[in-house]
Amino acid sequence: MRRPGIKVQLMLLLIPVFFLLVIATLRFIPQFDVRAIQVTIQGGSKETPPQATERLASLVGTSLFAINLSRQEALLASISSIASVQLRRKLPSILEATITLVDSPVLVLTDRDGQAYLVKDQKLLLLDAREIPAWKKVVSTIEVPVQYAELMSRYRVDDSFLQVLDLVQSLTGKTTLITTIKYDNNSSNSFGKMVLELSSLHAQIWVREPVSAAHVQAAVALVAQQQKDALSFLSSGTSRYDLYREGLVRRQ
């Protein structure tokens, strides 16, 4: 087999150099400067995270050929609410960004103002406070003590909280009377303390052990009827009910 001639070898060496020279030249042509960024958001809150907006906005005016797409994708993917990013050049002056957000089943709020988390792979991810309103619109919210949230973000979500997550997810869309869900693992029993606030009924349901969504739905319906019969809307006090697998007990 004959070896390639010197001219062929020289051309093979010069092609990459020529390509690099072309790219370097294109970087300085104003027509290829980014003038618009088209963003597509998939999943999650359906809204662009403010940190991503700021990062993408910083690229306006930069040449499309001067942008390291892989590096920018990695920087955007480091934002806690983002699962993946794909950037693409659209000549002559548009940068397209497809952003997939984390598929978090709930929003975890703490008793420290502005501190919230998403759940991913059994860990809590600290969320930019500016994203909280958007996530509140699309997933259920669980309020927990800040120390508990920080512990789960450092290690992993414990088994009791996983049970709470399963229950909250199974309740999504099935009862609109529950306005707030609170959970604290610091309790006398292994399940912890889960409190369902029913503000319009001036009532709370304390879930004392793992129960099904059907148990909770039945309990809410029963509380609604009892509070209606008792004319609870005329009272400023809050009635408390304890929910067990075997039944519902009124405490006050």
C-alpha atoms as a PDB file:
ATOM      1  CA  MET A   1       0.000   0.000   0.000  1.00  0.00           C
ATOM      2  CA  ARG A   2       1.432   3.344  -1.056  1.00  0.00           C
ATOM      3  CA  ARG A   3       1.964   6.021   1.557  1.00  0.00           C
ATOM      4  CA  PRO A   4       0.180   9.361   1.018  1.00  0.00           C
ATOM      5  CA  GLY A   5       2.298  11.847  -0.885  1.00  0.00           C
ATOM      6  CA  ILE A   6       3.891  14.839   0.801  1.00  0.00           C
ATOM      7  CA  LYS A   7       1.278  17.184  -0.662  1.00  0.00           C
ATOM      8  CA  VAL A   8      -1.539  15.103   0.795  1.00  0.00           C
ATOM      9  CA  GLN A   9       0.167  14.972   4.197  1.00  0.00           C
ATOM     10  CA  LEU A  10       0.699  18.713   4.121  1.00  0.00           C
ATOM     11  CA  MET A  11      -2.967  19.327   3.287  1.00  0.00           C
ATOM     12  CA  LEU A  12      -4.073  17.090   6.143  1.00  0.00           C
ATOM     13  CA  LEU A  13      -1.902  19.131   8.508  1.00  0.00           C
ATOM     14  CA  LEU A  14      -3.133  22.456   7.181  1.00  0.00           C
ATOM     15  CA  ILE A  15      -6.865  21.689   7.301  1.00  0.00           C
ATOM     16  CA  PRO A  16      -7.157  21.966  11.123  1.00  0.00           C
ATOM     17  CA  VAL A  17      -5.056  25.124  11.066  1.00  0.00           C
ATOM     18  CA  PHE A  18      -7.252  26.588   8.363  1.00  0.00           C
ATOM     19  CA  PHE A  19     -10.355  25.675  10.330  1.00  0.00           C
ATOM     20  CA  LEU A  20      -9.023  27.391  13.462  1.00  0.00           C
ATOM     21  CA  LEU A  21      -8.143  30.497  11.473  1.00  0.00           C
ATOM     22  CA  VAL A  22     -11.677  30.638  10.074  1.00  0.00           C
ATOM     23  CA  ILE A  23     -13.201  30.334  13.542  1.00  0.00           C
ATOM     24  CA  ALA A  24     -10.840  33.003  14.890  1.00  0.00           C
ATOM     25  CA  THR A  25     -11.817  35.317  12.042  1.00  0.00           C
ATOM     26  CA  LEU A  26     -15.554  34.751  12.527  1.00  0.00           C
ATOM     27  CA  ARG A  27     -15.246  35.810  16.179  1.00  0.00           C
ATOM     28  CA  PHE A  28     -14.516  39.354  15.072  1.00  0.00           C
ATOM     29  CA  ILE A  29     -17.369  39.730  12.586  1.00  0.00           C
ATOM     30  CA  PRO A  30     -20.112  41.837  14.293  1.00  0.00           C
ATOM     31  CA  GLN A  31     -22.907  40.050  12.430  1.00  0.00           C
ATOM     32  CA  PHE A  32     -22.239  36.951  14.568  1.00  0.00           C
ATOM     33  CA  ASP A  33     -22.545  38.752  17.919  1.00  0.00           C
ATOM     34  CA  VAL A  34     -25.410  37.401  20.061  1.00  0.00           C
ATOM     35  CA  ARG A  35     -28.414  39.675  19.730  1.00  0.00           C
ATOM     36  CA  ALA A  36     -31.121  37.368  21.076  1.00  0.00           C
ATOM     37  CA  ILE A  37     -31.392  34.306  23.298  1.00  0.00           C
ATOM     38  CA  GLN A  38     -34.291  31.892  22.830  1.00  0.00           C
ATOM     39  CA  VAL A  39     -35.010  29.857  25.969  1.00  0.00           C
ATOM     40  CA  THR A  40     -37.150  26.729  26.194  1.00  0.00           C
ATOM     41  CA  ILE A  41     -37.988  25.496  29.708  1.00  0.00           C
ATOM     42  CA  GLN A  42     -39.003  21.891  30.313  1.00  0.00           C
ATOM     43  CA  GLY A  43     -40.443  20.457  33.553  1.00  0.00           C
ATOM     44  CA  GLY A  44     -40.281  21.855  37.068  1.00  0.00           C
ATOM     45  CA  SER A  45     -41.721  25.319  37.652  1.00  0.00           C
ATOM     46  CA  LYS A  46     -41.868  26.037  33.898  1.00  0.00           C
ATOM     47  CA  GLU A  47     -40.107  29.354  34.579  1.00  0.00           C
ATOM     48  CA  THR A  48     -36.515  30.347  33.834  1.00  0.00           C
ATOM     49  CA  PRO A  49     -34.437  30.451  37.049  1.00  0.00           C
ATOM     50  CA  PRO A  50     -33.219  34.036  37.681  1.00  0.00           C
ATOM     51  CA  GLN A  51     -29.615  32.831  37.914  1.00  0.00           C
ATOM     52  CA  ALA A  52     -29.931  31.279  34.450  1.00  0.00           C
ATOM     53  CA  THR A  53     -31.436  34.482  33.084  1.00  0.00           C
ATOM     54  CA  GLU A  54     -28.499  36.469  34.436  1.00  0.00           C
ATOM     55  CA  ARG A  55     -25.938  34.001  33.068  1.00  0.00           C
ATOM     56  CA  LEU A  56     -27.508  33.970  29.588  1.00  0.00           C
ATOM     57  CA  ALA A  57     -27.956  37.748  29.531  1.00  0.00           C
ATOM     58  CA  SER A  58     -24.214  38.154  30.137  1.00  0.00           C
ATOM     59  CA  LEU A  59     -23.594  36.462  26.761  1.00  0.00           C
ATOM     60  CA  VAL A  60     -25.493  39.072  24.742  1.00  0.00           C
ATOM     61  CA  GLY A  61     -23.016  40.978  22.588  1.00  0.00           C
ATOM     62  CA  THR A  62     -20.513  38.118  22.605  1.00  0.00           C
ATOM     63  CA  SER A  63     -19.692  36.434  19.319  1.00  0.00           C
ATOM     64  CA  LEU A  64     -21.420  33.082  18.851  1.00  0.00           C
ATOM     65  CA  PHE A  65     -18.041  31.663  17.908  1.00  0.00           C
ATOM     66  CA  ALA A  66     -16.372  32.983  21.050  1.00  0.00           C
ATOM     67  CA  ILE A  67     -18.765  31.144  23.372  1.00  0.00           C
ATOM     68  CA  ASN A  68     -17.578  27.843  24.787  1.00  0.00           C
ATOM     69  CA  LEU A  69     -20.920  26.004  24.747  1.00  0.00           C
ATOM     70  CA  SER A  70     -19.765  23.101  26.933  1.00  0.00           C
ATOM     71  CA  ARG A  71     -18.438  25.434  29.623  1.00  0.00           C
ATOM     72  CA  GLN A  72     -21.604  27.549  29.627  1.00  0.00           C
ATOM     73  CA  GLU A  73     -23.770  24.423  29.794  1.00  0.00           C
ATOM     74  CA  ALA A  74     -21.810  23.241  32.838  1.00  0.00           C
ATOM     75  CA  LEU A  75     -22.162  26.624  34.559  1.00  0.00           C
ATOM     76  CA  LEU A  76     -25.921  26.664  33.985  1.00  0.00           C
ATOM     77  CA  ALA A  77     -26.307  23.030  35.077  1.00  0.00           C
ATOM     78  CA  SER A  78     -24.643  23.919  38.400  1.00  0.00           C
ATOM     79  CA  ILE A  79     -27.774  25.915  39.343  1.00  0.00           C
ATOM     80  CA  SER A  80     -29.654  23.760  41.866  1.00  0.00           C
ATOM     81  CA  SER A  81     -33.035  23.819  40.104  1.00  0.00           C
ATOM     82  CA  ILE A  82     -31.585  22.827  36.710  1.00  0.00           C
ATOM     83  CA  ALA A  83     -31.205  19.174  35.720  1.00  0.00           C
ATOM     84  CA  SER A  84     -29.670  19.631  32.271  1.00  0.00           C
ATOM     85  CA  VAL A  85     -28.920  22.280  29.627  1.00  0.00           C
ATOM     86  CA  GLN A  86     -28.367  22.239  25.889  1.00  0.00           C
ATOM     87  CA  LEU A  87     -27.048  25.301  24.046  1.00  0.00           C
ATOM     88  CA  ARG A  88     -27.059  25.675  20.270  1.00  0.00           C
ATOM     89  CA  ARG A  89     -25.888  28.379  17.877  1.00  0.00           C
ATOM     90  CA  LYS A  90     -28.486  29.651  15.416  1.00  0.00           C
ATOM     91  CA  LEU A  91     -26.762  31.796  12.821  1.00  0.00           C
ATOM     92  CA  PRO A  92     -26.266  34.591  12.442  1.00  0.00           C
ATOM     93  CA  SER A  93     -26.932  35.989  15.929  1.00  0.00           C
ATOM     94  CA  ILE A  94     -29.200  33.795  18.074  1.00  0.00           C
ATOM     95  CA  LEU A  95     -28.270  31.491  20.955  1.00  0.00           C
ATOM     96  CA  GLU A  96     -30.824  28.772  21.727  1.00  0.00           C
ATOM     97  CA  ALA A  97     -31.027  27.312  25.232  1.00  0.00           C
ATOM     98  CA  THR A  98     -33.086  24.263  26.197  1.00  0.00           C
ATOM     99  CA  ILE A  99     -33.234  23.976  29.985  1.00  0.00           C
ATOM    100  CA  THR A 100     -34.710  20.995  31.813  1.00  0.00           C
ATOM    101  CA  LEU A 101     -35.567  21.695  35.441  1.00  0.00           C
ATOM    102  CA  VAL A 102     -35.343  19.294  38.361  1.00  0.00           C
ATOM    103  CA  ASP A 103     -38.341  17.007  38.780  1.00  0.00           C
ATOM    104  CA  SER A 104     -38.941  17.761  42.460  1.00  0.00           C
ATOM    105  CA  PRO A 105     -42.120  16.255  43.984  1.00  0.00           C
ATOM    106  CA  VAL A 106     -42.461  19.058  46.570  1.00  0.00           C
ATOM    107  CA  LEU A 107     -41.076  22.397  47.690  1.00  0.00           C
ATOM    108  CA  VAL A 108     -39.520  22.212  51.154  1.00  0.00           C
ATOM    109  CA  LEU A 109     -39.800  25.484  53.082  1.00  0.00           C
ATOM    110  CA  THR A 110     -38.003  26.111  56.365  1.00  0.00           C
ATOM    111  CA  ASP A 111     -38.897  28.289  59.321  1.00  0.00           C
ATOM    112  CA  ARG A 112     -36.046  30.587  58.252  1.00  0.00           C
ATOM    113  CA  ASP A 113     -37.389  33.261  55.918  1.00  0.00           C
ATOM    114  CA  GLY A 114     -36.373  32.755  52.287  1.00  0.00           C
ATOM    115  CA  GLN A 115     -34.711  29.347  52.764  1.00  0.00           C
ATOM    116  CA  ALA A 116     -36.221  26.599  50.639  1.00  0.00           C
ATOM    117  CA  TYR A 117     -35.165  23.342  49.015  1.00  0.00           C
ATOM    118  CA  LEU A 118     -36.052  21.012  46.156  1.00  0.00           C
ATOM    119  CA  VAL A 119     -35.840  17.223  46.406  1.00  0.00           C
ATOM    120  CA  LYS A 120     -33.625  15.289  43.985  1.00  0.00           C
ATOM    121  CA  ASP A 121     -32.187  11.783  44.350  1.00  0.00           C
ATOM    122  CA  GLN A 122     -33.196  11.681  48.040  1.00  0.00           C
ATOM    123  CA  LYS A 123     -31.274  14.861  48.833  1.00  0.00           C
ATOM    124  CA  LEU A 124     -32.377  18.446  49.409  1.00  0.00           C
ATOM    125  CA  LEU A 125     -31.027  21.114  47.045  1.00  0.00           C
ATOM    126  CA  LEU A 126     -30.928  24.719  48.290  1.00  0.00           C
ATOM    127  CA  LEU A 127     -33.152  26.878  46.075  1.00  0.00           C
ATOM    128  CA  ASP A 128     -32.636  30.506  45.106  1.00  0.00           C
ATOM    129  CA  ALA A 129     -35.251  32.431  47.123  1.00  0.00           C
ATOM    130  CA  ARG A 130     -36.405  34.205  43.958  1.00  0.00           C
ATOM    131  CA  GLU A 131     -37.656  30.881  42.587  1.00  0.00           C
ATOM    132  CA  ILE A 132     -39.939  30.075  45.528  1.00  0.00           C
ATOM    133  CA  PRO A 133     -43.128  31.743  44.144  1.00  0.00           C
ATOM    134  CA  ALA A 134     -42.822  29.890  40.821  1.00  0.00           C
ATOM    135  CA  TRP A 135     -42.390  26.482  42.479  1.00  0.00           C
ATOM    136  CA  LYS A 136     -45.287  27.126  44.886  1.00  0.00           C
ATOM    137  CA  LYS A 137     -47.590  27.269  41.872  1.00  0.00           C
ATOM    138  CA  VAL A 138     -46.760  23.781  40.620  1.00  0.00           C
ATOM    139  CA  VAL A 139     -45.929  21.526  43.597  1.00  0.00           C
ATOM    140  CA  SER A 140     -47.118  21.000  47.161  1.00  0.00           C
ATOM    141  CA  THR A 141     -45.220  22.719  49.961  1.00  0.00           C
ATOM    142  CA  ILE A 142     -43.948  21.112  53.166  1.00  0.00           C
ATOM    143  CA  GLU A 143     -42.706  23.288  56.019  1.00  0.00           C
ATOM    144  CA  VAL A 144     -39.896  21.847  58.188  1.00  0.00           C
ATOM    145  CA  PRO A 145     -37.463  23.159  60.855  1.00  0.00           C
ATOM    146  CA  VAL A 146     -34.341  24.678  59.307  1.00  0.00           C
ATOM    147  CA  GLN A 147     -31.978  22.353  61.221  1.00  0.00           C
ATOM    148  CA  TYR A 148     -33.788  19.302  59.849  1.00  0.00           C
ATOM    149  CA  ALA A 149     -33.629  20.625  56.282  1.00  0.00           C
ATOM    150  CA  GLU A 150     -29.914  21.401  56.553  1.00  0.00           C
ATOM    151  CA  LEU A 151     -29.272  17.895  57.876  1.00  0.00           C
ATOM    152  CA  MET A 152     -31.052  16.299  54.921  1.00  0.00           C
ATOM    153  CA  SER A 153     -29.255  18.569  52.444  1.00  0.00           C
ATOM    154  CA  ARG A 154     -25.908  17.518  53.914  1.00  0.00           C
ATOM    155  CA  TYR A 155     -26.656  13.781  53.961  1.00  0.00           C
ATOM    156  CA  ARG A 156     -29.896  12.380  52.542  1.00  0.00           C
ATOM    157  CA  VAL A 157     -33.653  12.343  53.056  1.00  0.00           C
ATOM    158  CA  ASP A 158     -34.552   9.960  55.892  1.00  0.00           C
ATOM    159  CA  ASP A 159     -37.130   7.184  55.676  1.00  0.00           C
ATOM    160  CA  SER A 160     -39.761   9.077  57.675  1.00  0.00           C
ATOM    161  CA  PHE A 161     -39.599  12.055  55.332  1.00  0.00           C
ATOM    162  CA  LEU A 162     -39.841   9.718  52.351  1.00  0.00           C
ATOM    163  CA  GLN A 163     -43.121   8.422  53.804  1.00  0.00           C
ATOM    164  CA  VAL A 164     -44.322  12.022  54.130  1.00  0.00           C
ATOM    165  CA  LEU A 165     -43.339  12.707  50.511  1.00  0.00           C
ATOM    166  CA  ASP A 166     -45.287   9.675  49.307  1.00  0.00           C
ATOM    167  CA  LEU A 167     -48.370  10.790  51.232  1.00  0.00           C
ATOM    168  CA  VAL A 168     -48.173  14.394  50.002  1.00  0.00           C
ATOM    169  CA  GLN A 169     -47.751  13.278  46.397  1.00  0.00           C
ATOM    170  CA  SER A 170     -50.740  10.949  46.645  1.00  0.00           C
ATOM    171  CA  LEU A 171     -52.850  13.833  47.995  1.00  0.00           C
ATOM    172  CA  THR A 172     -51.971  16.257  45.200  1.00  0.00           C
ATOM    173  CA  GLY A 173     -55.148  17.523  43.572  1.00  0.00           C
ATOM    174  CA  LYS A 174     -57.414  15.405  45.769  1.00  0.00           C
ATOM    175  CA  THR A 175     -58.264  17.909  48.489  1.00  0.00           C
ATOM    176  CA  THR A 176     -58.153  21.690  48.316  1.00  0.00           C
ATOM    177  CA  LEU A 177     -58.951  22.265  51.983  1.00  0.00           C
ATOM    178  CA  ILE A 178     -55.375  21.541  53.112  1.00  0.00           C
ATOM    179  CA  THR A 179     -53.612  24.919  52.989  1.00  0.00           C
ATOM    180  CA  THR A 180     -50.317  24.089  54.716  1.00  0.00           C
ATOM    181  CA  ILE A 181     -48.383  20.904  55.490  1.00  0.00           C
ATOM    182  CA  LYS A 182     -45.849  20.950  58.323  1.00  0.00           C
ATOM    183  CA  TYR A 183     -43.485  18.179  59.332  1.00  0.00           C
ATOM    184  CA  ASP A 184     -40.982  17.746  62.168  1.00  0.00           C
ATOM    185  CA  ASN A 185     -38.994  14.557  62.731  1.00  0.00           C
ATOM    186  CA  ASN A 186     -38.291  15.537  66.350  1.00  0.00           C
ATOM    187  CA  SER A 187     -41.160  13.674  67.987  1.00  0.00           C
ATOM    188  CA  SER A 188     -41.825  10.936  70.499  1.00  0.00           C
ATOM    189  CA  ASN A 189     -42.676   8.432  67.745  1.00  0.00           C
ATOM    190  CA  SER A 190     -40.586   7.164  64.824  1.00  0.00           C
ATOM    191  CA  PHE A 191     -42.874   8.761  62.212  1.00  0.00           C
ATOM    192  CA  GLY A 192     -42.431  12.299  63.523  1.00  0.00           C
ATOM    193  CA  LYS A 193     -45.071  15.030  63.606  1.00  0.00           C
ATOM    194  CA  MET A 194     -47.051  15.872  60.476  1.00  0.00           C
ATOM    195  CA  VAL A 195     -49.624  18.658  60.718  1.00  0.00           C
ATOM    196  CA  LEU A 196     -52.204  19.452  58.030  1.00  0.00           C
ATOM    197  CA  GLU A 197     -53.590  22.984  58.318  1.00  0.00           C
ATOM    198  CA  LEU A 198     -57.199  23.496  57.231  1.00  0.00           C
ATOM    199  CA  SER A 199     -57.375  27.273  57.573  1.00  0.00           C
ATOM    200  CA  SER A 200     -60.881  27.745  56.198  1.00  0.00           C
ATOM    201  CA  LEU A 201     -62.186  25.247  58.784  1.00  0.00           C
ATOM    202  CA  HIS A 202     -60.113  26.633  61.689  1.00  0.00           C
ATOM    203  CA  ALA A 203     -58.741  23.135  62.195  1.00  0.00           C
ATOM    204  CA  GLN A 204     -55.567  21.051  62.196  1.00  0.00           C
ATOM    205  CA  ILE A 205     -55.132  17.338  61.547  1.00  0.00           C
ATOM    206  CA  TRP A 206     -52.088  15.817  63.250  1.00  0.00           C
ATOM    207  CA  VAL A 207     -51.060  12.665  61.388  1.00  0.00           C
ATOM    208  CA  ARG A 208     -49.684  10.425  64.141  1.00  0.00           C
ATOM    209  CA  GLU A 209     -48.496   7.488  62.017  1.00  0.00           C
ATOM    210  CA  PRO A 210     -48.131   6.546  58.330  1.00  0.00           C
ATOM    211  CA  VAL A 211     -51.570   6.489  56.679  1.00  0.00           C
ATOM    212  CA  SER A 212     -52.908   6.345  53.122  1.00  0.00           C
ATOM    213  CA  ALA A 213     -54.258   9.219  51.058  1.00  0.00           C
ATOM    214  CA  ALA A 214     -57.720   7.679  51.434  1.00  0.00           C
ATOM    215  CA  HIS A 215     -57.409   7.965  55.237  1.00  0.00           C
ATOM    216  CA  VAL A 216     -56.521  11.652  54.946  1.00  0.00           C
ATOM    217  CA  GLN A 217     -59.315  12.389  52.475  1.00  0.00           C
ATOM    218  CA  ALA A 218     -61.868  10.727  54.742  1.00  0.00           C
ATOM    219  CA  ALA A 219     -60.509  12.614  57.760  1.00  0.00           C
ATOM    220  CA  VAL A 220     -60.699  15.967  55.959  1.00  0.00           C
ATOM    221  CA  ALA A 221     -64.294  15.285  54.919  1.00  0.00           C
ATOM    222  CA  LEU A 222     -65.226  14.336  58.489  1.00  0.00           C
ATOM    223  CA  VAL A 223     -63.544  17.432  59.955  1.00  0.00           C
ATOM    224  CA  ALA A 224     -65.314  19.630  57.420  1.00  0.00           C
ATOM    225  CA  GLN A 225     -68.697  18.201  58.429  1.00  0.00           C
ATOM    226  CA  GLN A 226     -68.001  18.459  62.168  1.00  0.00           C
ATOM    227  CA  GLN A 227     -66.720  22.024  61.892  1.00  0.00           C
ATOM    228  CA  LYS A 228     -69.750  22.967  59.810  1.00  0.00           C
ATOM    229  CA  ASP A 229     -72.130  21.449  62.370  1.00  0.00           C
ATOM    230  CA  ALA A 230     -70.278  23.231  65.177  1.00  0.00           C
ATOM    231  CA  LEU A 231     -70.373  26.576  63.298  1.00  0.00           C
ATOM    232  CA  SER A 232     -66.592  26.793  63.628  1.00  0.00           C
ATOM    233  CA  PHE A 233     -66.480  29.812  61.319  1.00  0.00           C
ATOM    234  CA  LEU A 234     -67.895  31.825  64.233  1.00  0.00           C
ATOM    235  CA  SER A 235     -64.936  30.902  66.430  1.00  0.00           C
ATOM    236  CA  SER A 236     -61.378  32.249  66.343  1.00  0.00           C
ATOM    237  CA  GLY A 237     -59.943  29.108  67.970  1.00  0.00           C
ATOM    238  CA  THR A 238     -58.352  26.194  66.131  1.00  0.00           C
ATOM    239  CA  SER A 239     -59.664  22.659  66.564  1.00  0.00           C
ATOM    240  CA  ARG A 240     -57.143  19.817  66.645  1.00  0.00           C
ATOM    241  CA  TYR A 241     -57.688  16.278  65.410  1.00  0.00           C
ATOM    242  CA  ASP A 242     -55.305  13.304  65.636  1.00  0.00           C
ATOM    243  CA  LEU A 243     -55.365  10.861  62.738  1.00  0.00           C
ATOM    244  CA  TYR A 244     -54.444   7.189  63.159  1.00  0.00           C
ATOM    245  CA  ARG A 245     -54.946   4.217  60.852  1.00  0.00           C
ATOM    246  CA  GLU A 246     -57.850   3.128  63.024  1.00  0.00           C
ATOM    247  CA  GLY A 247     -59.625   6.462  63.128  1.00  0.00           C
ATOM    248  CA  LEU A 248     -59.784  10.190  63.847  1.00  0.00           C
ATOM    249  CA  VAL A 249     -59.751  11.610  67.397  1.00  0.00           C
ATOM    250  CA  ARG A 250     -60.721  15.168  68.303  1.00  0.00           C
ATOM    251  CA  ARG A 251     -58.387  16.623  70.935  1.00  0.00           C
ATOM    252  CA  GLN A 252     -59.718  20.140  71.340  1.00  0.00           C
END
